[in-house]
């Protein structure tokens, strides 16, 4: 990924189809249950994410690490 100049932007990555399927099974969810991220979001564009992809976001807030997931949707 082309890392943005702003160091406050958390790390984003697109999950592979198999990783996304395993995650949904583990969490007992479907992709439609996840919060959304628009395909036009700067991070989605930088990743080349397409609608239907699942994006994993790793945050480090005040020394604690958090992992979030978003489904890419069209705006």
PDB file of N, CA and C in Angstrom:
ATOM      1  N   UNK A   1       0.847  -1.182   0.000  1.00  0.00           N
ATOM      2  CA  UNK A   1       0.000   0.000   0.000  1.00  0.00           C
ATOM      3  C   UNK A   1       0.883   1.231   0.000  1.00  0.00           C
ATOM      4  N   UNK A   2       0.473   2.242  -0.715  1.00  0.00           N
ATOM      5  CA  UNK A   2       1.152   3.528  -0.646  1.00  0.00           C
ATOM      6  C   UNK A   2       0.710   4.203   0.634  1.00  0.00           C
ATOM      7  N   UNK A   3       1.608   4.258   1.588  1.00  0.00           N
ATOM      8  CA  UNK A   3       1.277   4.826   2.896  1.00  0.00           C
ATOM      9  C   UNK A   3       1.062   6.321   2.751  1.00  0.00           C
ATOM     10  N   UNK A   4      -0.051   6.862   3.293  1.00  0.00           N
ATOM     11  CA  UNK A   4      -0.290   8.298   3.221  1.00  0.00           C
ATOM     12  C   UNK A   4       0.752   9.063   4.030  1.00  0.00           C
ATOM     13  N   UNK A   5       0.920  10.318   3.694  1.00  0.00           N
ATOM     14  CA  UNK A   5       1.898  11.155   4.379  1.00  0.00           C
ATOM     15  C   UNK A   5       1.541  11.346   5.849  1.00  0.00           C
ATOM     16  N   UNK A   6       0.266  11.288   6.186  1.00  0.00           N
ATOM     17  CA  UNK A   6      -0.171  11.508   7.557  1.00  0.00           C
ATOM     18  C   UNK A   6       0.016  10.233   8.375  1.00  0.00           C
ATOM     19  N   UNK A   7       0.868  10.300   9.381  1.00  0.00           N
ATOM     20  CA  UNK A   7       1.143   9.121  10.195  1.00  0.00           C
ATOM     21  C   UNK A   7      -0.035   8.715  11.072  1.00  0.00           C
ATOM     22  N   UNK A   8      -1.060   9.545  11.169  1.00  0.00           N
ATOM     23  CA  UNK A   8      -2.228   9.224  11.978  1.00  0.00           C
ATOM     24  C   UNK A   8      -3.204   8.290  11.266  1.00  0.00           C
ATOM     25  N   UNK A   9      -3.005   8.077   9.974  1.00  0.00           N
ATOM     26  CA  UNK A   9      -3.886   7.181   9.225  1.00  0.00           C
ATOM     27  C   UNK A   9      -3.482   5.745   9.551  1.00  0.00           C
ATOM     28  N   UNK A  10      -4.424   4.932  10.074  1.00  0.00           N
ATOM     29  CA  UNK A  10      -4.064   3.564  10.429  1.00  0.00           C
ATOM     30  C   UNK A  10      -3.789   2.701   9.200  1.00  0.00           C
ATOM     31  N   UNK A  11      -3.102   1.594   9.431  1.00  0.00           N
ATOM     32  CA  UNK A  11      -2.764   0.646   8.365  1.00  0.00           C
ATOM     33  C   UNK A  11      -4.037  -0.026   7.842  1.00  0.00           C
ATOM     34  N   UNK A  12      -4.217  -0.034   6.529  1.00  0.00           N
ATOM     35  CA  UNK A  12      -5.348  -0.675   5.866  1.00  0.00           C
ATOM     36  C   UNK A  12      -4.818  -1.774   4.949  1.00  0.00           C
ATOM     37  N   UNK A  13      -5.577  -2.870   4.823  1.00  0.00           N
ATOM     38  CA  UNK A  13      -5.245  -3.883   3.827  1.00  0.00           C
ATOM     39  C   UNK A  13      -6.511  -4.611   3.408  1.00  0.00           C
ATOM     40  N   UNK A  14      -6.531  -5.053   2.158  1.00  0.00           N
ATOM     41  CA  UNK A  14      -7.660  -5.819   1.629  1.00  0.00           C
ATOM     42  C   UNK A  14      -7.411  -7.286   1.957  1.00  0.00           C
ATOM     43  N   UNK A  15      -8.420  -7.925   2.539  1.00  0.00           N
ATOM     44  CA  UNK A  15      -8.304  -9.354   2.838  1.00  0.00           C
ATOM     45  C   UNK A  15      -8.533 -10.178   1.579  1.00  0.00           C
ATOM     46  N   UNK A  16      -7.853 -11.297   1.494  1.00  0.00           N
ATOM     47  CA  UNK A  16      -8.114 -12.222   0.395  1.00  0.00           C
ATOM     48  C   UNK A  16      -9.510 -12.809   0.593  1.00  0.00           C
ATOM     49  N   UNK A  17     -10.061 -13.378  -0.453  1.00  0.00           N
ATOM     50  CA  UNK A  17     -11.402 -13.973  -0.367  1.00  0.00           C
ATOM     51  C   UNK A  17     -11.423 -15.069   0.690  1.00  0.00           C
ATOM     52  N   UNK A  18     -10.403 -15.908   0.716  1.00  0.00           N
ATOM     53  CA  UNK A  18     -10.380 -16.999   1.700  1.00  0.00           C
ATOM     54  C   UNK A  18     -10.252 -16.460   3.128  1.00  0.00           C
ATOM     55  N   UNK A  19      -9.431 -15.426   3.326  1.00  0.00           N
ATOM     56  CA  UNK A  19      -9.302 -14.823   4.656  1.00  0.00           C
ATOM     57  C   UNK A  19     -10.605 -14.153   5.083  1.00  0.00           C
ATOM     58  N   UNK A  20     -11.260 -13.477   4.148  1.00  0.00           N
ATOM     59  CA  UNK A  20     -12.533 -12.815   4.449  1.00  0.00           C
ATOM     60  C   UNK A  20     -13.590 -13.854   4.812  1.00  0.00           C
ATOM     61  N   UNK A  21     -13.650 -14.953   4.061  1.00  0.00           N
ATOM     62  CA  UNK A  21     -14.628 -16.011   4.360  1.00  0.00           C
ATOM     63  C   UNK A  21     -14.364 -16.630   5.728  1.00  0.00           C
ATOM     64  N   UNK A  22     -13.100 -16.878   6.047  1.00  0.00           N
ATOM     65  CA  UNK A  22     -12.741 -17.448   7.352  1.00  0.00           C
ATOM     66  C   UNK A  22     -13.110 -16.485   8.482  1.00  0.00           C
ATOM     67  N   UNK A  23     -12.876 -15.201   8.268  1.00  0.00           N
ATOM     68  CA  UNK A  23     -13.222 -14.200   9.272  1.00  0.00           C
ATOM     69  C   UNK A  23     -14.725 -14.158   9.515  1.00  0.00           C
ATOM     70  N   UNK A  24     -15.513 -14.147   8.431  1.00  0.00           N
ATOM     71  CA  UNK A  24     -16.968 -14.091   8.570  1.00  0.00           C
ATOM     72  C   UNK A  24     -17.486 -15.327   9.311  1.00  0.00           C
ATOM     73  N   UNK A  25     -16.894 -16.485   9.012  1.00  0.00           N
ATOM     74  CA  UNK A  25     -17.295 -17.716   9.695  1.00  0.00           C
ATOM     75  C   UNK A  25     -16.939 -17.636  11.182  1.00  0.00           C
ATOM     76  N   UNK A  26     -15.729 -17.165  11.471  1.00  0.00           N
ATOM     77  CA  UNK A  26     -15.266 -17.051  12.860  1.00  0.00           C
ATOM     78  C   UNK A  26     -16.154 -16.101  13.659  1.00  0.00           C
ATOM     79  N   UNK A  27     -16.530 -14.972  13.041  1.00  0.00           N
ATOM     80  CA  UNK A  27     -17.340 -13.966  13.741  1.00  0.00           C
ATOM     81  C   UNK A  27     -18.827 -14.276  13.690  1.00  0.00           C
ATOM     82  N   UNK A  28     -19.223 -15.227  12.843  1.00  0.00           N
ATOM     83  CA  UNK A  28     -20.643 -15.560  12.708  1.00  0.00           C
ATOM     84  C   UNK A  28     -21.432 -14.438  12.044  1.00  0.00           C
ATOM     85  N   UNK A  29     -20.785 -13.760  11.091  1.00  0.00           N
ATOM     86  CA  UNK A  29     -21.398 -12.620  10.408  1.00  0.00           C
ATOM     87  C   UNK A  29     -21.389 -12.837   8.904  1.00  0.00           C
ATOM     88  N   UNK A  30     -22.107 -11.959   8.218  1.00  0.00           N
ATOM     89  CA  UNK A  30     -21.952 -11.857   6.777  1.00  0.00           C
ATOM     90  C   UNK A  30     -21.326 -10.495   6.512  1.00  0.00           C
ATOM     91  N   UNK A  31     -20.756 -10.323   5.329  1.00  0.00           N
ATOM     92  CA  UNK A  31     -20.101  -9.059   5.005  1.00  0.00           C
ATOM     93  C   UNK A  31     -21.054  -7.881   5.139  1.00  0.00           C
ATOM     94  N   UNK A  32     -22.328  -8.099   4.850  1.00  0.00           N
ATOM     95  CA  UNK A  32     -23.300  -7.000   4.935  1.00  0.00           C
ATOM     96  C   UNK A  32     -23.508  -6.520   6.365  1.00  0.00           C
ATOM     97  N   UNK A  33     -23.100  -7.318   7.366  1.00  0.00           N
ATOM     98  CA  UNK A  33     -23.196  -6.905   8.766  1.00  0.00           C
ATOM     99  C   UNK A  33     -22.093  -5.939   9.178  1.00  0.00           C
ATOM    100  N   UNK A  34     -21.043  -5.845   8.365  1.00  0.00           N
ATOM    101  CA  UNK A  34     -19.905  -4.991   8.707  1.00  0.00           C
ATOM    102  C   UNK A  34     -20.197  -3.529   8.402  1.00  0.00           C
ATOM    103  N   UNK A  35     -19.531  -2.617   9.116  1.00  0.00           N
ATOM    104  CA  UNK A  35     -19.607  -1.202   8.738  1.00  0.00           C
ATOM    105  C   UNK A  35     -19.061  -1.051   7.320  1.00  0.00           C
ATOM    106  N   UNK A  36     -19.412   0.027   6.673  1.00  0.00           N
ATOM    107  CA  UNK A  36     -19.058   0.234   5.268  1.00  0.00           C
ATOM    108  C   UNK A  36     -17.918   1.237   5.105  1.00  0.00           C
ATOM    109  N   UNK A  37     -17.225   1.089   3.986  1.00  0.00           N
ATOM    110  CA  UNK A  37     -16.250   2.079   3.536  1.00  0.00           C
ATOM    111  C   UNK A  37     -16.503   2.251   2.041  1.00  0.00           C
ATOM    112  N   UNK A  38     -16.603   3.488   1.599  1.00  0.00           N
ATOM    113  CA  UNK A  38     -16.874   3.744   0.180  1.00  0.00           C
ATOM    114  C   UNK A  38     -15.659   3.407  -0.670  1.00  0.00           C
ATOM    115  N   UNK A  39     -15.923   2.924  -1.872  1.00  0.00           N
ATOM    116  CA  UNK A  39     -14.841   2.602  -2.809  1.00  0.00           C
ATOM    117  C   UNK A  39     -14.074   3.852  -3.225  1.00  0.00           C
ATOM    118  N   UNK A  40     -14.658   5.033  -2.984  1.00  0.00           N
ATOM    119  CA  UNK A  40     -14.003   6.299  -3.312  1.00  0.00           C
ATOM    120  C   UNK A  40     -13.203   6.872  -2.144  1.00  0.00           C
ATOM    121  N   UNK A  41     -13.224   6.198  -0.989  1.00  0.00           N
ATOM    122  CA  UNK A  41     -12.434   6.632   0.163  1.00  0.00           C
ATOM    123  C   UNK A  41     -10.958   6.614  -0.240  1.00  0.00           C
ATOM    124  N   UNK A  42     -10.183   7.614   0.159  1.00  0.00           N
ATOM    125  CA  UNK A  42      -8.776   7.661  -0.248  1.00  0.00           C
ATOM    126  C   UNK A  42      -7.997   6.376   0.058  1.00  0.00           C
ATOM    127  N   UNK A  43      -8.260   5.751   1.187  1.00  0.00           N
ATOM    128  CA  UNK A  43      -7.547   4.513   1.517  1.00  0.00           C
ATOM    129  C   UNK A  43      -7.989   3.364   0.621  1.00  0.00           C
ATOM    130  N   UNK A  44      -9.278   3.282   0.318  1.00  0.00           N
ATOM    131  CA  UNK A  44      -9.777   2.234  -0.580  1.00  0.00           C
ATOM    132  C   UNK A  44      -9.191   2.408  -1.974  1.00  0.00           C
ATOM    133  N   UNK A  45      -9.105   3.651  -2.428  1.00  0.00           N
ATOM    134  CA  UNK A  45      -8.519   3.927  -3.742  1.00  0.00           C
ATOM    135  C   UNK A  45      -7.048   3.533  -3.746  1.00  0.00           C
ATOM    136  N   UNK A  46      -6.306   3.886  -2.693  1.00  0.00           N
ATOM    137  CA  UNK A  46      -4.885   3.562  -2.604  1.00  0.00           C
ATOM    138  C   UNK A  46      -4.654   2.050  -2.604  1.00  0.00           C
ATOM    139  N   UNK A  47      -5.596   1.309  -2.016  1.00  0.00           N
ATOM    140  CA  UNK A  47      -5.479  -0.146  -1.955  1.00  0.00           C
ATOM    141  C   UNK A  47      -5.950  -0.830  -3.236  1.00  0.00           C
ATOM    142  N   UNK A  48      -6.720  -0.104  -4.044  1.00  0.00           N
ATOM    143  CA  UNK A  48      -7.330  -0.727  -5.216  1.00  0.00           C
ATOM    144  C   UNK A  48      -8.500  -1.599  -4.815  1.00  0.00           C
ATOM    145  N   UNK A  49      -9.133  -1.284  -3.680  1.00  0.00           N
ATOM    146  CA  UNK A  49     -10.259  -2.073  -3.175  1.00  0.00           C
ATOM    147  C   UNK A  49     -11.489  -1.877  -4.052  1.00  0.00           C
ATOM    148  N   UNK A  50     -12.200  -2.982  -4.271  1.00  0.00           N
ATOM    149  CA  UNK A  50     -13.400  -2.950  -5.099  1.00  0.00           C
ATOM    150  C   UNK A  50     -14.621  -3.261  -4.239  1.00  0.00           C
ATOM    151  N   UNK A  51     -15.811  -2.821  -4.660  1.00  0.00           N
ATOM    152  CA  UNK A  51     -17.024  -3.161  -3.908  1.00  0.00           C
ATOM    153  C   UNK A  51     -17.100  -4.668  -3.650  1.00  0.00           C
ATOM    154  N   UNK A  52     -17.413  -5.005  -2.416  1.00  0.00           N
ATOM    155  CA  UNK A  52     -17.480  -6.404  -2.002  1.00  0.00           C
ATOM    156  C   UNK A  52     -16.242  -6.858  -1.244  1.00  0.00           C
ATOM    157  N   UNK A  53     -15.124  -6.145  -1.413  1.00  0.00           N
ATOM    158  CA  UNK A  53     -13.909  -6.490  -0.677  1.00  0.00           C
ATOM    159  C   UNK A  53     -14.086  -6.182   0.804  1.00  0.00           C
ATOM    160  N   UNK A  54     -13.301  -6.859   1.632  1.00  0.00           N
ATOM    161  CA  UNK A  54     -13.264  -6.584   3.068  1.00  0.00           C
ATOM    162  C   UNK A  54     -11.900  -5.965   3.374  1.00  0.00           C
ATOM    163  N   UNK A  55     -11.929  -4.820   4.043  1.00  0.00           N
ATOM    164  CA  UNK A  55     -10.701  -4.111   4.412  1.00  0.00           C
ATOM    165  C   UNK A  55     -10.468  -4.285   5.910  1.00  0.00           C
ATOM    166  N   UNK A  56      -9.247  -4.663   6.249  1.00  0.00           N
ATOM    167  CA  UNK A  56      -8.835  -4.785   7.640  1.00  0.00           C
ATOM    168  C   UNK A  56      -8.071  -3.521   8.003  1.00  0.00           C
ATOM    169  N   UNK A  57      -8.425  -2.923   9.140  1.00  0.00           N
ATOM    170  CA  UNK A  57      -7.799  -1.682   9.583  1.00  0.00           C
ATOM    171  C   UNK A  57      -7.179  -1.929  10.954  1.00  0.00           C
ATOM    172  N   UNK A  58      -5.875  -1.718  11.042  1.00  0.00           N
ATOM    173  CA  UNK A  58      -5.163  -1.886  12.315  1.00  0.00           C
ATOM    174  C   UNK A  58      -4.865  -0.516  12.890  1.00  0.00           C
ATOM    175  N   UNK A  59      -5.368  -0.291  14.091  1.00  0.00           N
ATOM    176  CA  UNK A  59      -5.168   0.985  14.782  1.00  0.00           C
ATOM    177  C   UNK A  59      -4.329   0.778  16.021  1.00  0.00           C
ATOM    178  N   UNK A  60      -3.593   1.795  16.370  1.00  0.00           N
ATOM    179  CA  UNK A  60      -2.839   1.818  17.607  1.00  0.00           C
ATOM    180  C   UNK A  60      -3.230   3.112  18.309  1.00  0.00           C
ATOM    181  N   UNK A  61      -4.204   3.019  19.192  1.00  0.00           N
ATOM    182  CA  UNK A  61      -4.712   4.194  19.904  1.00  0.00           C
ATOM    183  C   UNK A  61      -4.210   4.202  21.336  1.00  0.00           C
ATOM    184  N   UNK A  62      -3.388   5.168  21.638  1.00  0.00           N
ATOM    185  CA  UNK A  62      -2.884   5.357  22.991  1.00  0.00           C
ATOM    186  C   UNK A  62      -2.257   4.084  23.545  1.00  0.00           C
ATOM    187  N   UNK A  63      -1.484   3.396  22.707  1.00  0.00           N
ATOM    188  CA  UNK A  63      -0.778   2.205  23.145  1.00  0.00           C
ATOM    189  C   UNK A  63      -1.568   0.917  23.052  1.00  0.00           C
ATOM    190  N   UNK A  64      -2.856   0.996  22.742  1.00  0.00           N
ATOM    191  CA  UNK A  64      -3.669  -0.210  22.593  1.00  0.00           C
ATOM    192  C   UNK A  64      -3.906  -0.471  21.116  1.00  0.00           C
ATOM    193  N   UNK A  65      -3.842  -1.747  20.746  1.00  0.00           N
ATOM    194  CA  UNK A  65      -4.042  -2.115  19.346  1.00  0.00           C
ATOM    195  C   UNK A  65      -5.465  -2.610  19.138  1.00  0.00           C
ATOM    196  N   UNK A  66      -6.069  -2.132  18.071  1.00  0.00           N
ATOM    197  CA  UNK A  66      -7.433  -2.507  17.721  1.00  0.00           C
ATOM    198  C   UNK A  66      -7.470  -2.913  16.250  1.00  0.00           C
ATOM    199  N   UNK A  67      -8.345  -3.840  15.922  1.00  0.00           N
ATOM    200  CA  UNK A  67      -8.515  -4.271  14.535  1.00  0.00           C
ATOM    201  C   UNK A  67      -9.987  -4.087  14.164  1.00  0.00           C
ATOM    202  N   UNK A  68     -10.193  -3.425  13.035  1.00  0.00           N
ATOM    203  CA  UNK A  68     -11.536  -3.152  12.539  1.00  0.00           C
ATOM    204  C   UNK A  68     -11.667  -3.750  11.140  1.00  0.00           C
ATOM    205  N   UNK A  69     -12.894  -4.006  10.742  1.00  0.00           N
ATOM    206  CA  UNK A  69     -13.157  -4.518   9.402  1.00  0.00           C
ATOM    207  C   UNK A  69     -14.261  -3.690   8.774  1.00  0.00           C
ATOM    208  N   UNK A  70     -14.134  -3.443   7.488  1.00  0.00           N
ATOM    209  CA  UNK A  70     -15.134  -2.681   6.728  1.00  0.00           C
ATOM    210  C   UNK A  70     -15.399  -3.381   5.405  1.00  0.00           C
ATOM    211  N   UNK A  71     -16.644  -3.333   4.956  1.00  0.00           N
ATOM    212  CA  UNK A  71     -16.983  -3.837   3.625  1.00  0.00           C
ATOM    213  C   UNK A  71     -16.942  -2.670   2.659  1.00  0.00           C
ATOM    214  N   UNK A  72     -16.293  -2.845   1.526  1.00  0.00           N
ATOM    215  CA  UNK A  72     -16.204  -1.801   0.518  1.00  0.00           C
ATOM    216  C   UNK A  72     -17.511  -1.794  -0.279  1.00  0.00           C
ATOM    217  N   UNK A  73     -18.113  -0.598  -0.393  1.00  0.00           N
ATOM    218  CA  UNK A  73     -19.362  -0.417  -1.136  1.00  0.00           C
ATOM    219  C   UNK A  73     -19.200   0.760  -2.094  1.00  0.00           C
ATOM    220  N   UNK A  74     -20.053   0.769  -3.118  1.00  0.00           N
ATOM    221  CA  UNK A  74     -20.063   1.911  -4.023  1.00  0.00           C
ATOM    222  C   UNK A  74     -20.738   3.084  -3.349  1.00  0.00           C
ATOM    223  N   UNK A  75     -20.275   4.273  -3.673  1.00  0.00           N
ATOM    224  CA  UNK A  75     -20.845   5.483  -3.075  1.00  0.00           C
ATOM    225  C   UNK A  75     -22.168   5.806  -3.703  1.00  0.00           C
TER     226      UNK A  75
END
